[in-house]
Amino acid sequence: MSEQTATWYNLYDARPQVEVPAESPLAWSYHHSGRPAVGEKSRVVLRERAMAGHLILRGGAIVLDEAVRQVLGFGLPGRPNTLTRDASGERSVQWLSPDEWLVIVPGGEEFALEKRLREALGDAHYAIVNVSGGQTLIELEGEKARELLMKSTPYDVHPEAFPVGKGVTTVFAKANLILRRPTEERWELVLRRSFADYLYRWILDAGAEYAIGVEG
């Protein structure tokens, strides 16, 4: 007689309705370090995609791919250190390690997404962790964005070594982060909240000669 094991988990909405609004990881930085305006001479533009939903998925690629396709409408990346996106570009999945993927969606979607993924995965062997509160995403765009990166990371960001659709975990200044290139002109830095102020000030300094501006 076989025994059936039930799967139990607690699922919490990390965005409860409260009187005090949540703040961007860079809110303090904007106040103390300034937000240089984007001008005609700006060759690099910085934007923060604050409060986005970040989920870490772990498990077998075949099972996770089926669930992600069912829920998001597109599958996992087919190669390591690459990412896939939906048509809008607002939702993405990046292959981080042999059994680990990072899903980023617009803020507020992550709770429902986690619930739907768990329902689709059923009794499969997997793990889903909502890391939205501990990470943020900074975009760098402009004709001098790659030169700014060359001053900041040892990773080769030449187009031949870092084509569109690639993403890697690397060192940036004295911090670790995920560096991604979703389009020809735009780069993304996915970083821990605790590094946000340090990296913001670093980027402003490294981008000063390019008249860097901050949008949003």
N, C-alpha and C. Protein backbone atom coordinates (compact mmCIF):
# COMPACT_ATOMS: atom_id res chain seq x y z
N MET A 1 0.85 -1.19 0.00
CA MET A 1 0.00 0.00 0.00
C MET A 1 0.89 1.24 0.00
N SER A 2 0.75 2.05 -0.98
CA SER A 2 1.61 3.23 -1.11
C SER A 2 1.11 4.35 -0.22
N GLU A 3 2.03 5.17 0.23
CA GLU A 3 1.69 6.32 1.04
C GLU A 3 1.74 7.58 0.18
N GLN A 4 0.79 8.48 0.37
CA GLN A 4 0.75 9.73 -0.39
C GLN A 4 1.19 10.87 0.52
N THR A 5 2.18 11.64 0.08
CA THR A 5 2.71 12.74 0.88
C THR A 5 2.11 14.06 0.40
N ALA A 6 1.53 14.78 1.31
CA ALA A 6 0.95 16.08 0.96
C ALA A 6 2.01 17.16 0.96
N THR A 7 1.85 18.15 0.09
CA THR A 7 2.78 19.27 0.01
C THR A 7 2.18 20.46 0.75
N TRP A 8 2.95 21.01 1.70
CA TRP A 8 2.48 22.14 2.49
C TRP A 8 3.43 23.31 2.32
N TYR A 9 2.87 24.50 2.23
CA TYR A 9 3.70 25.70 2.16
C TYR A 9 2.86 26.89 2.62
N ASN A 10 3.55 27.90 3.13
CA ASN A 10 2.89 29.14 3.50
C ASN A 10 3.17 30.19 2.44
N LEU A 11 2.15 30.88 2.00
CA LEU A 11 2.28 31.88 0.94
C LEU A 11 1.80 33.21 1.48
N TYR A 12 2.72 34.20 1.50
CA TYR A 12 2.39 35.50 2.07
C TYR A 12 2.49 36.59 1.02
N ASP A 13 1.55 37.51 1.04
CA ASP A 13 1.62 38.68 0.17
C ASP A 13 2.61 39.66 0.77
N ALA A 14 3.71 39.91 0.05
CA ALA A 14 4.77 40.79 0.56
C ALA A 14 4.44 42.27 0.38
N ARG A 15 3.27 42.57 -0.19
CA ARG A 15 2.86 43.97 -0.40
C ARG A 15 1.52 44.24 0.29
N PRO A 16 1.46 44.13 1.60
CA PRO A 16 0.21 44.39 2.29
C PRO A 16 -0.17 45.87 2.19
N GLN A 17 -1.45 46.14 2.33
CA GLN A 17 -1.93 47.52 2.31
C GLN A 17 -1.64 48.18 3.66
N VAL A 18 -0.78 49.19 3.65
CA VAL A 18 -0.39 49.87 4.88
C VAL A 18 -0.49 51.38 4.66
N GLU A 19 -0.53 52.12 5.75
CA GLU A 19 -0.64 53.58 5.65
C GLU A 19 0.67 54.21 5.18
N VAL A 20 1.80 53.62 5.57
CA VAL A 20 3.10 54.16 5.18
C VAL A 20 3.50 53.55 3.84
N PRO A 21 3.66 54.35 2.79
CA PRO A 21 4.00 53.79 1.47
C PRO A 21 5.43 53.26 1.43
N ALA A 22 5.63 52.22 0.63
CA ALA A 22 6.98 51.68 0.44
C ALA A 22 7.83 52.67 -0.34
N GLU A 23 9.13 52.68 -0.03
CA GLU A 23 10.06 53.59 -0.71
C GLU A 23 11.01 52.83 -1.61
N SER A 24 11.41 53.46 -2.68
CA SER A 24 12.44 52.93 -3.56
C SER A 24 13.73 52.74 -2.79
N PRO A 25 14.52 51.71 -3.12
CA PRO A 25 15.83 51.56 -2.50
C PRO A 25 16.74 52.77 -2.72
N LEU A 26 16.44 53.59 -3.73
CA LEU A 26 17.27 54.75 -4.01
C LEU A 26 16.66 56.05 -3.49
N ALA A 27 15.57 55.98 -2.75
CA ALA A 27 14.91 57.20 -2.26
C ALA A 27 15.87 58.05 -1.43
N TRP A 28 16.61 57.41 -0.53
CA TRP A 28 17.56 58.15 0.31
C TRP A 28 18.68 58.73 -0.55
N SER A 29 19.12 57.97 -1.54
CA SER A 29 20.21 58.41 -2.41
C SER A 29 19.82 59.63 -3.23
N TYR A 30 18.59 59.64 -3.75
CA TYR A 30 18.13 60.79 -4.51
C TYR A 30 18.16 62.05 -3.66
N HIS A 31 17.78 61.91 -2.41
CA HIS A 31 17.72 63.06 -1.51
C HIS A 31 19.10 63.57 -1.14
N HIS A 32 20.05 62.65 -0.89
CA HIS A 32 21.37 63.05 -0.39
C HIS A 32 22.42 63.22 -1.48
N SER A 33 22.27 62.51 -2.59
CA SER A 33 23.28 62.59 -3.66
C SER A 33 22.78 63.32 -4.89
N GLY A 34 21.50 63.65 -4.91
CA GLY A 34 20.96 64.40 -6.03
C GLY A 34 20.51 63.51 -7.18
N ARG A 35 19.78 64.13 -8.10
CA ARG A 35 19.30 63.44 -9.31
C ARG A 35 19.56 64.35 -10.50
N PRO A 36 20.74 64.28 -11.09
CA PRO A 36 21.04 65.14 -12.22
C PRO A 36 20.03 64.95 -13.34
N ALA A 37 19.56 66.05 -13.87
CA ALA A 37 18.53 65.99 -14.90
C ALA A 37 19.12 65.51 -16.22
N VAL A 38 18.30 64.88 -17.01
CA VAL A 38 18.70 64.46 -18.35
C VAL A 38 18.68 65.69 -19.26
N GLY A 39 19.80 65.94 -19.94
CA GLY A 39 19.90 67.09 -20.82
C GLY A 39 20.35 66.72 -22.21
N GLU A 40 20.51 67.72 -23.04
CA GLU A 40 20.93 67.46 -24.43
C GLU A 40 22.30 66.83 -24.50
N LYS A 41 23.15 67.11 -23.50
CA LYS A 41 24.51 66.56 -23.51
C LYS A 41 24.62 65.20 -22.81
N SER A 42 23.54 64.70 -22.25
CA SER A 42 23.59 63.42 -21.54
C SER A 42 23.84 62.28 -22.52
N ARG A 43 24.89 61.52 -22.26
CA ARG A 43 25.23 60.37 -23.09
C ARG A 43 24.94 59.05 -22.37
N VAL A 44 24.52 59.16 -21.10
CA VAL A 44 24.08 58.01 -20.32
C VAL A 44 22.86 58.45 -19.52
N VAL A 45 21.85 57.61 -19.50
CA VAL A 45 20.65 57.87 -18.71
C VAL A 45 20.44 56.71 -17.74
N LEU A 46 20.19 57.04 -16.49
CA LEU A 46 19.94 56.04 -15.45
C LEU A 46 18.47 56.07 -15.07
N ARG A 47 17.87 54.89 -14.95
CA ARG A 47 16.50 54.75 -14.46
C ARG A 47 16.47 53.61 -13.46
N GLU A 48 15.65 53.75 -12.45
CA GLU A 48 15.43 52.64 -11.53
C GLU A 48 14.06 52.05 -11.78
N ARG A 49 14.00 50.75 -11.99
CA ARG A 49 12.72 50.06 -12.05
C ARG A 49 12.43 49.55 -10.64
N ALA A 50 12.02 50.48 -9.81
CA ALA A 50 11.84 50.20 -8.39
C ALA A 50 10.60 49.36 -8.13
N MET A 51 10.66 48.60 -7.05
CA MET A 51 9.52 47.85 -6.53
C MET A 51 9.00 46.80 -7.51
N ALA A 52 9.85 46.32 -8.41
CA ALA A 52 9.44 45.24 -9.31
C ALA A 52 9.36 43.93 -8.53
N GLY A 53 8.70 42.94 -9.11
CA GLY A 53 8.61 41.63 -8.48
C GLY A 53 9.76 40.74 -8.90
N HIS A 54 10.48 40.18 -7.94
CA HIS A 54 11.62 39.30 -8.21
C HIS A 54 11.37 37.95 -7.55
N LEU A 55 11.35 36.89 -8.32
CA LEU A 55 11.19 35.54 -7.79
C LEU A 55 12.36 34.67 -8.21
N ILE A 56 12.88 33.87 -7.28
CA ILE A 56 13.90 32.88 -7.59
C ILE A 56 13.22 31.52 -7.71
N LEU A 57 13.41 30.86 -8.85
CA LEU A 57 12.87 29.52 -9.08
C LEU A 57 14.00 28.51 -9.07
N ARG A 58 13.78 27.38 -8.41
CA ARG A 58 14.78 26.31 -8.42
C ARG A 58 14.05 24.99 -8.64
N GLY A 59 14.69 24.13 -9.43
CA GLY A 59 14.09 22.84 -9.72
C GLY A 59 14.52 22.33 -11.08
N GLY A 60 13.86 21.29 -11.54
CA GLY A 60 14.19 20.71 -12.83
C GLY A 60 13.71 21.59 -13.97
N ALA A 61 14.55 21.72 -15.00
CA ALA A 61 14.25 22.65 -16.09
C ALA A 61 12.98 22.27 -16.84
N ILE A 62 12.76 20.97 -17.08
CA ILE A 62 11.60 20.56 -17.88
C ILE A 62 10.30 20.90 -17.16
N VAL A 63 10.23 20.57 -15.87
CA VAL A 63 9.02 20.82 -15.10
C VAL A 63 8.78 22.32 -14.96
N LEU A 64 9.84 23.08 -14.65
CA LEU A 64 9.68 24.52 -14.48
C LEU A 64 9.31 25.19 -15.80
N ASP A 65 9.90 24.72 -16.90
CA ASP A 65 9.60 25.33 -18.20
C ASP A 65 8.12 25.18 -18.54
N GLU A 66 7.56 24.02 -18.27
CA GLU A 66 6.14 23.81 -18.55
C GLU A 66 5.27 24.74 -17.73
N ALA A 67 5.62 24.89 -16.44
CA ALA A 67 4.82 25.76 -15.57
C ALA A 67 4.95 27.22 -15.97
N VAL A 68 6.17 27.66 -16.30
CA VAL A 68 6.39 29.05 -16.69
C VAL A 68 5.66 29.37 -17.99
N ARG A 69 5.70 28.45 -18.94
CA ARG A 69 4.97 28.66 -20.20
C ARG A 69 3.47 28.77 -19.96
N GLN A 70 2.98 27.93 -19.07
CA GLN A 70 1.55 27.94 -18.77
C GLN A 70 1.12 29.25 -18.12
N VAL A 71 1.97 29.79 -17.23
CA VAL A 71 1.60 30.96 -16.45
C VAL A 71 1.98 32.27 -17.14
N LEU A 72 3.19 32.34 -17.69
CA LEU A 72 3.69 33.58 -18.27
C LEU A 72 3.55 33.66 -19.78
N GLY A 73 3.39 32.52 -20.43
CA GLY A 73 3.23 32.54 -21.88
C GLY A 73 4.53 32.42 -22.65
N PHE A 74 5.65 32.30 -21.97
CA PHE A 74 6.93 32.05 -22.63
C PHE A 74 7.77 31.18 -21.70
N GLY A 75 8.78 30.51 -22.27
CA GLY A 75 9.51 29.51 -21.50
C GLY A 75 10.82 29.99 -20.91
N LEU A 76 11.52 29.05 -20.28
CA LEU A 76 12.83 29.33 -19.72
C LEU A 76 13.85 29.54 -20.84
N PRO A 77 14.94 30.25 -20.55
CA PRO A 77 16.00 30.39 -21.56
C PRO A 77 16.58 29.03 -21.92
N GLY A 78 17.00 28.90 -23.17
CA GLY A 78 17.55 27.63 -23.64
C GLY A 78 19.02 27.45 -23.36
N ARG A 79 19.72 28.53 -22.97
CA ARG A 79 21.15 28.45 -22.70
C ARG A 79 21.48 29.15 -21.39
N PRO A 80 22.54 28.70 -20.70
CA PRO A 80 22.95 29.38 -19.46
C PRO A 80 23.32 30.84 -19.73
N ASN A 81 23.16 31.67 -18.69
CA ASN A 81 23.53 33.09 -18.78
C ASN A 81 22.81 33.83 -19.91
N THR A 82 21.56 33.45 -20.13
CA THR A 82 20.74 34.17 -21.10
C THR A 82 19.37 34.43 -20.46
N LEU A 83 18.58 35.30 -21.11
CA LEU A 83 17.25 35.59 -20.60
C LEU A 83 16.23 35.59 -21.70
N THR A 84 15.00 35.28 -21.34
CA THR A 84 13.87 35.37 -22.25
C THR A 84 12.91 36.41 -21.70
N ARG A 85 12.12 37.04 -22.60
CA ARG A 85 11.19 38.09 -22.19
C ARG A 85 9.88 37.94 -22.94
N ASP A 86 8.83 38.57 -22.40
CA ASP A 86 7.57 38.61 -23.12
C ASP A 86 7.63 39.73 -24.15
N ALA A 87 6.55 39.88 -24.91
CA ALA A 87 6.54 40.86 -26.01
C ALA A 87 6.71 42.28 -25.50
N SER A 88 6.22 42.57 -24.31
CA SER A 88 6.33 43.93 -23.77
C SER A 88 7.71 44.22 -23.20
N GLY A 89 8.47 43.18 -22.90
CA GLY A 89 9.78 43.36 -22.28
C GLY A 89 9.72 43.61 -20.79
N GLU A 90 8.53 43.61 -20.20
CA GLU A 90 8.38 43.90 -18.78
C GLU A 90 8.54 42.66 -17.90
N ARG A 91 8.43 41.49 -18.50
CA ARG A 91 8.55 40.24 -17.75
C ARG A 91 9.68 39.42 -18.35
N SER A 92 10.54 38.91 -17.50
CA SER A 92 11.70 38.18 -18.01
C SER A 92 12.06 37.02 -17.10
N VAL A 93 12.78 36.06 -17.67
CA VAL A 93 13.32 34.93 -16.92
C VAL A 93 14.79 34.81 -17.30
N GLN A 94 15.68 34.74 -16.32
CA GLN A 94 17.11 34.60 -16.58
C GLN A 94 17.63 33.32 -15.94
N TRP A 95 18.47 32.60 -16.67
CA TRP A 95 19.10 31.37 -16.18
C TRP A 95 20.34 31.78 -15.39
N LEU A 96 20.30 31.55 -14.07
CA LEU A 96 21.40 31.96 -13.19
C LEU A 96 22.41 30.85 -12.95
N SER A 97 21.96 29.63 -12.73
CA SER A 97 22.83 28.50 -12.43
C SER A 97 22.11 27.23 -12.89
N PRO A 98 22.76 26.05 -12.81
CA PRO A 98 22.16 24.85 -13.40
C PRO A 98 20.70 24.60 -13.05
N ASP A 99 20.27 24.93 -11.83
CA ASP A 99 18.87 24.68 -11.48
C ASP A 99 18.20 25.92 -10.88
N GLU A 100 18.65 27.11 -11.32
CA GLU A 100 18.17 28.35 -10.71
C GLU A 100 17.86 29.40 -11.77
N TRP A 101 16.67 30.04 -11.63
CA TRP A 101 16.25 31.07 -12.57
C TRP A 101 15.69 32.27 -11.80
N LEU A 102 15.89 33.45 -12.36
CA LEU A 102 15.35 34.69 -11.80
C LEU A 102 14.22 35.19 -12.67
N VAL A 103 13.05 35.37 -12.08
CA VAL A 103 11.89 35.91 -12.79
C VAL A 103 11.65 37.34 -12.30
N ILE A 104 11.53 38.28 -13.22
CA ILE A 104 11.23 39.67 -12.87
C ILE A 104 9.95 40.08 -13.59
N VAL A 105 9.00 40.62 -12.83
CA VAL A 105 7.72 41.05 -13.37
C VAL A 105 7.38 42.42 -12.79
N PRO A 106 6.44 43.15 -13.37
CA PRO A 106 6.04 44.44 -12.80
C PRO A 106 5.60 44.29 -11.35
N GLY A 107 5.90 45.31 -10.57
CA GLY A 107 5.56 45.28 -9.16
C GLY A 107 4.09 45.04 -8.91
N GLY A 108 3.78 44.19 -7.95
CA GLY A 108 2.41 43.87 -7.63
C GLY A 108 1.93 42.57 -8.24
N GLU A 109 2.66 42.05 -9.24
CA GLU A 109 2.26 40.80 -9.89
C GLU A 109 2.85 39.57 -9.23
N GLU A 110 3.90 39.76 -8.41
CA GLU A 110 4.66 38.60 -7.95
C GLU A 110 3.89 37.65 -7.04
N PHE A 111 2.99 38.19 -6.21
CA PHE A 111 2.25 37.33 -5.30
C PHE A 111 1.32 36.40 -6.08
N ALA A 112 0.56 36.96 -7.01
CA ALA A 112 -0.33 36.13 -7.83
C ALA A 112 0.46 35.17 -8.71
N LEU A 113 1.61 35.63 -9.21
CA LEU A 113 2.45 34.78 -10.04
C LEU A 113 2.96 33.58 -9.26
N GLU A 114 3.45 33.83 -8.05
CA GLU A 114 3.94 32.72 -7.23
C GLU A 114 2.82 31.71 -6.97
N LYS A 115 1.64 32.20 -6.67
CA LYS A 115 0.51 31.31 -6.39
C LYS A 115 0.19 30.46 -7.61
N ARG A 116 0.15 31.09 -8.78
CA ARG A 116 -0.18 30.35 -10.00
C ARG A 116 0.90 29.34 -10.37
N LEU A 117 2.16 29.70 -10.15
CA LEU A 117 3.25 28.76 -10.42
C LEU A 117 3.17 27.55 -9.50
N ARG A 118 2.89 27.79 -8.23
CA ARG A 118 2.77 26.67 -7.29
C ARG A 118 1.62 25.75 -7.68
N GLU A 119 0.53 26.32 -8.12
CA GLU A 119 -0.60 25.51 -8.56
C GLU A 119 -0.23 24.69 -9.80
N ALA A 120 0.51 25.32 -10.74
CA ALA A 120 0.90 24.62 -11.95
C ALA A 120 1.93 23.52 -11.67
N LEU A 121 2.79 23.73 -10.69
CA LEU A 121 3.85 22.76 -10.38
C LEU A 121 3.36 21.60 -9.53
N GLY A 122 2.29 21.81 -8.79
CA GLY A 122 1.72 20.72 -8.02
C GLY A 122 2.70 20.08 -7.05
N ASP A 123 2.88 18.76 -7.18
CA ASP A 123 3.75 18.02 -6.27
C ASP A 123 5.18 17.87 -6.79
N ALA A 124 5.54 18.61 -7.82
CA ALA A 124 6.91 18.53 -8.35
C ALA A 124 7.91 19.01 -7.31
N HIS A 125 9.16 18.63 -7.49
CA HIS A 125 10.23 19.04 -6.57
C HIS A 125 10.75 20.40 -7.05
N TYR A 126 10.52 21.47 -6.27
CA TYR A 126 10.89 22.81 -6.69
C TYR A 126 10.95 23.72 -5.47
N ALA A 127 11.46 24.92 -5.69
CA ALA A 127 11.45 25.96 -4.65
C ALA A 127 11.20 27.30 -5.33
N ILE A 128 10.38 28.13 -4.69
CA ILE A 128 10.12 29.50 -5.16
C ILE A 128 10.32 30.44 -3.98
N VAL A 129 11.17 31.44 -4.16
CA VAL A 129 11.44 32.41 -3.10
C VAL A 129 11.20 33.82 -3.65
N ASN A 130 10.37 34.58 -2.96
CA ASN A 130 10.10 35.96 -3.33
C ASN A 130 11.20 36.84 -2.72
N VAL A 131 12.07 37.39 -3.56
CA VAL A 131 13.18 38.23 -3.09
C VAL A 131 12.97 39.69 -3.47
N SER A 132 11.73 40.06 -3.77
CA SER A 132 11.44 41.41 -4.26
C SER A 132 11.92 42.49 -3.31
N GLY A 133 11.73 42.30 -2.01
CA GLY A 133 12.10 43.33 -1.06
C GLY A 133 13.59 43.52 -0.89
N GLY A 134 14.37 42.56 -1.35
CA GLY A 134 15.81 42.65 -1.16
C GLY A 134 16.60 43.04 -2.39
N GLN A 135 15.91 43.32 -3.50
CA GLN A 135 16.60 43.63 -4.75
C GLN A 135 15.95 44.83 -5.44
N THR A 136 16.71 45.44 -6.33
CA THR A 136 16.17 46.46 -7.21
C THR A 136 16.86 46.33 -8.56
N LEU A 137 16.37 47.08 -9.53
CA LEU A 137 16.92 47.00 -10.89
C LEU A 137 17.18 48.42 -11.39
N ILE A 138 18.39 48.63 -11.87
CA ILE A 138 18.79 49.92 -12.43
C ILE A 138 19.07 49.73 -13.93
N GLU A 139 18.51 50.61 -14.73
CA GLU A 139 18.77 50.59 -16.17
C GLU A 139 19.78 51.67 -16.54
N LEU A 140 20.67 51.34 -17.44
CA LEU A 140 21.61 52.29 -18.02
C LEU A 140 21.43 52.27 -19.53
N GLU A 141 21.24 53.45 -20.12
CA GLU A 141 21.01 53.53 -21.55
C GLU A 141 21.72 54.75 -22.11
N GLY A 142 22.15 54.64 -23.36
CA GLY A 142 22.82 55.77 -24.01
C GLY A 142 24.09 55.33 -24.70
N GLU A 143 24.62 56.21 -25.53
CA GLU A 143 25.77 55.84 -26.36
C GLU A 143 27.04 55.58 -25.57
N LYS A 144 27.12 56.09 -24.33
CA LYS A 144 28.31 55.88 -23.51
C LYS A 144 28.07 54.90 -22.36
N ALA A 145 26.93 54.22 -22.37
CA ALA A 145 26.63 53.28 -21.28
C ALA A 145 27.67 52.16 -21.22
N ARG A 146 28.08 51.64 -22.37
CA ARG A 146 29.06 50.55 -22.36
C ARG A 146 30.41 51.04 -21.83
N GLU A 147 30.79 52.27 -22.16
CA GLU A 147 32.05 52.79 -21.65
C GLU A 147 32.00 52.96 -20.13
N LEU A 148 30.85 53.35 -19.61
CA LEU A 148 30.70 53.44 -18.16
C LEU A 148 30.87 52.07 -17.53
N LEU A 149 30.31 51.04 -18.17
CA LEU A 149 30.44 49.68 -17.65
C LEU A 149 31.90 49.22 -17.70
N MET A 150 32.61 49.62 -18.73
CA MET A 150 34.02 49.22 -18.86
C MET A 150 34.87 49.77 -17.72
N LYS A 151 34.45 50.89 -17.15
CA LYS A 151 35.17 51.46 -16.01
C LYS A 151 34.75 50.81 -14.70
N SER A 152 33.69 50.02 -14.71
CA SER A 152 33.10 49.56 -13.47
C SER A 152 33.18 48.06 -13.23
N THR A 153 33.28 47.27 -14.29
CA THR A 153 33.28 45.82 -14.14
C THR A 153 34.41 45.20 -14.95
N PRO A 154 35.02 44.10 -14.44
CA PRO A 154 36.06 43.42 -15.20
C PRO A 154 35.50 42.52 -16.30
N TYR A 155 34.19 42.31 -16.30
CA TYR A 155 33.60 41.44 -17.31
C TYR A 155 33.66 42.11 -18.69
N ASP A 156 33.92 41.33 -19.71
CA ASP A 156 34.03 41.86 -21.07
C ASP A 156 32.64 42.22 -21.59
N VAL A 157 32.39 43.50 -21.81
CA VAL A 157 31.08 43.95 -22.28
C VAL A 157 31.10 44.32 -23.76
N HIS A 158 32.15 43.89 -24.47
CA HIS A 158 32.18 44.09 -25.92
C HIS A 158 31.00 43.34 -26.54
N PRO A 159 30.36 43.90 -27.58
CA PRO A 159 29.20 43.24 -28.19
C PRO A 159 29.44 41.79 -28.60
N GLU A 160 30.66 41.45 -29.00
CA GLU A 160 30.93 40.07 -29.39
C GLU A 160 30.93 39.12 -28.19
N ALA A 161 31.30 39.64 -27.03
CA ALA A 161 31.34 38.82 -25.82
C ALA A 161 30.06 38.94 -25.01
N PHE A 162 29.33 40.03 -25.22
CA PHE A 162 28.12 40.28 -24.44
C PHE A 162 26.99 40.71 -25.38
N PRO A 163 26.42 39.76 -26.13
CA PRO A 163 25.35 40.10 -27.07
C PRO A 163 24.03 40.38 -26.35
N VAL A 164 23.08 40.90 -27.09
CA VAL A 164 21.74 41.13 -26.56
C VAL A 164 21.16 39.80 -26.08
N GLY A 165 20.53 39.81 -24.92
CA GLY A 165 19.94 38.60 -24.36
C GLY A 165 20.81 37.88 -23.37
N LYS A 166 22.02 38.39 -23.14
CA LYS A 166 22.92 37.75 -22.18
C LYS A 166 22.76 38.38 -20.80
N GLY A 167 23.05 37.62 -19.76
CA GLY A 167 23.03 38.12 -18.39
C GLY A 167 23.98 37.29 -17.54
N VAL A 168 24.79 37.93 -16.72
CA VAL A 168 25.78 37.22 -15.92
C VAL A 168 25.83 37.80 -14.51
N THR A 169 26.29 37.00 -13.58
CA THR A 169 26.60 37.48 -12.24
C THR A 169 28.06 37.89 -12.22
N THR A 170 28.35 39.11 -11.82
CA THR A 170 29.71 39.60 -11.90
C THR A 170 29.98 40.63 -10.81
N VAL A 171 31.20 41.16 -10.81
CA VAL A 171 31.60 42.21 -9.88
C VAL A 171 31.41 43.56 -10.56
N PHE A 172 30.82 44.49 -9.83
CA PHE A 172 30.64 45.85 -10.32
C PHE A 172 31.13 46.77 -9.22
N ALA A 173 32.20 47.55 -9.51
CA ALA A 173 32.88 48.30 -8.45
C ALA A 173 33.32 47.28 -7.40
N LYS A 174 32.86 47.40 -6.16
CA LYS A 174 33.22 46.42 -5.12
C LYS A 174 31.99 45.66 -4.65
N ALA A 175 31.02 45.51 -5.53
CA ALA A 175 29.79 44.80 -5.19
C ALA A 175 29.52 43.70 -6.21
N ASN A 176 28.73 42.72 -5.81
CA ASN A 176 28.27 41.69 -6.74
C ASN A 176 26.87 42.04 -7.22
N LEU A 177 26.62 41.78 -8.49
CA LEU A 177 25.29 42.00 -9.04
C LEU A 177 25.12 41.18 -10.30
N ILE A 178 23.91 41.27 -10.87
CA ILE A 178 23.62 40.62 -12.14
C ILE A 178 23.60 41.70 -13.21
N LEU A 179 24.40 41.51 -14.24
CA LEU A 179 24.48 42.44 -15.36
C LEU A 179 23.78 41.81 -16.56
N ARG A 180 22.85 42.53 -17.15
CA ARG A 180 22.05 42.01 -18.26
C ARG A 180 22.02 43.01 -19.41
N ARG A 181 21.82 42.48 -20.62
CA ARG A 181 21.68 43.34 -21.79
C ARG A 181 20.43 42.93 -22.56
N PRO A 182 19.28 43.50 -22.20
CA PRO A 182 18.03 43.10 -22.86
C PRO A 182 17.86 43.66 -24.27
N THR A 183 18.47 44.82 -24.57
CA THR A 183 18.36 45.41 -25.91
C THR A 183 19.74 45.95 -26.32
N GLU A 184 19.83 46.43 -27.54
CA GLU A 184 21.09 46.95 -28.05
C GLU A 184 21.60 48.12 -27.21
N GLU A 185 20.71 49.01 -26.81
CA GLU A 185 21.12 50.24 -26.14
C GLU A 185 20.99 50.21 -24.63
N ARG A 186 20.25 49.23 -24.09
CA ARG A 186 19.96 49.24 -22.66
C ARG A 186 20.64 48.11 -21.93
N TRP A 187 21.18 48.45 -20.76
CA TRP A 187 21.78 47.47 -19.85
C TRP A 187 21.01 47.51 -18.54
N GLU A 188 20.97 46.39 -17.84
CA GLU A 188 20.28 46.31 -16.57
C GLU A 188 21.21 45.79 -15.48
N LEU A 189 21.13 46.40 -14.31
CA LEU A 189 21.87 45.96 -13.14
C LEU A 189 20.85 45.50 -12.11
N VAL A 190 20.88 44.22 -11.77
CA VAL A 190 20.00 43.68 -10.73
C VAL A 190 20.86 43.53 -9.48
N LEU A 191 20.54 44.29 -8.44
CA LEU A 191 21.43 44.36 -7.29
C LEU A 191 20.67 44.27 -5.98
N ARG A 192 21.41 43.95 -4.94
CA ARG A 192 20.83 43.91 -3.61
C ARG A 192 20.48 45.31 -3.13
N ARG A 193 19.43 45.40 -2.38
CA ARG A 193 18.99 46.68 -1.85
C ARG A 193 20.10 47.34 -1.03
N SER A 194 20.87 46.56 -0.30
CA SER A 194 21.92 47.12 0.55
C SER A 194 23.06 47.74 -0.23
N PHE A 195 23.19 47.40 -1.51
CA PHE A 195 24.24 47.97 -2.36
C PHE A 195 23.74 49.18 -3.15
N ALA A 196 22.45 49.47 -3.08
CA ALA A 196 21.86 50.45 -3.99
C ALA A 196 22.50 51.83 -3.88
N ASP A 197 22.66 52.36 -2.66
CA ASP A 197 23.21 53.71 -2.51
C ASP A 197 24.66 53.76 -2.97
N TYR A 198 25.45 52.76 -2.59
CA TYR A 198 26.86 52.72 -2.99
C TYR A 198 26.99 52.70 -4.51
N LEU A 199 26.22 51.85 -5.17
CA LEU A 199 26.34 51.75 -6.62
C LEU A 199 25.79 52.98 -7.32
N TYR A 200 24.75 53.58 -6.77
CA TYR A 200 24.21 54.80 -7.36
C TYR A 200 25.27 55.90 -7.36
N ARG A 201 25.94 56.07 -6.21
CA ARG A 201 26.97 57.11 -6.13
C ARG A 201 28.15 56.78 -7.03
N TRP A 202 28.49 55.51 -7.14
CA TRP A 202 29.57 55.10 -8.04
C TRP A 202 29.21 55.45 -9.48
N ILE A 203 27.98 55.11 -9.89
CA ILE A 203 27.57 55.34 -11.27
C ILE A 203 27.52 56.84 -11.58
N LEU A 204 27.05 57.65 -10.64
CA LEU A 204 27.03 59.09 -10.88
C LEU A 204 28.46 59.61 -11.08
N ASP A 205 29.39 59.11 -10.30
CA ASP A 205 30.78 59.56 -10.44
C ASP A 205 31.37 59.06 -11.76
N ALA A 206 31.16 57.78 -12.07
CA ALA A 206 31.71 57.22 -13.31
C ALA A 206 31.07 57.84 -14.54
N GLY A 207 29.83 58.30 -14.41
CA GLY A 207 29.12 58.85 -15.56
C GLY A 207 29.19 60.36 -15.65
N ALA A 208 29.91 61.00 -14.76
CA ALA A 208 29.95 62.46 -14.75
C ALA A 208 30.49 63.03 -16.06
N GLU A 209 31.51 62.38 -16.62
CA GLU A 209 32.09 62.89 -17.86
C GLU A 209 31.16 62.73 -19.06
N TYR A 210 30.11 61.91 -18.88
CA TYR A 210 29.13 61.72 -19.96
C TYR A 210 27.85 62.50 -19.69
N ALA A 211 27.89 63.42 -18.72
CA ALA A 211 26.72 64.23 -18.34
C ALA A 211 25.54 63.34 -18.03
N ILE A 212 25.78 62.30 -17.21
CA ILE A 212 24.72 61.32 -16.89
C ILE A 212 23.51 62.03 -16.29
N GLY A 213 22.33 61.56 -16.70
CA GLY A 213 21.09 62.09 -16.17
C GLY A 213 20.26 60.97 -15.58
N VAL A 214 19.38 61.32 -14.65
CA VAL A 214 18.55 60.33 -13.96
C VAL A 214 17.09 60.61 -14.29
N GLU A 215 16.41 59.60 -14.82
CA GLU A 215 14.99 59.73 -15.16
C GLU A 215 14.12 59.09 -14.10
N GLY A 216 12.84 59.53 -14.06
CA GLY A 216 11.88 58.88 -13.18
C GLY A 216 11.80 59.51 -11.82
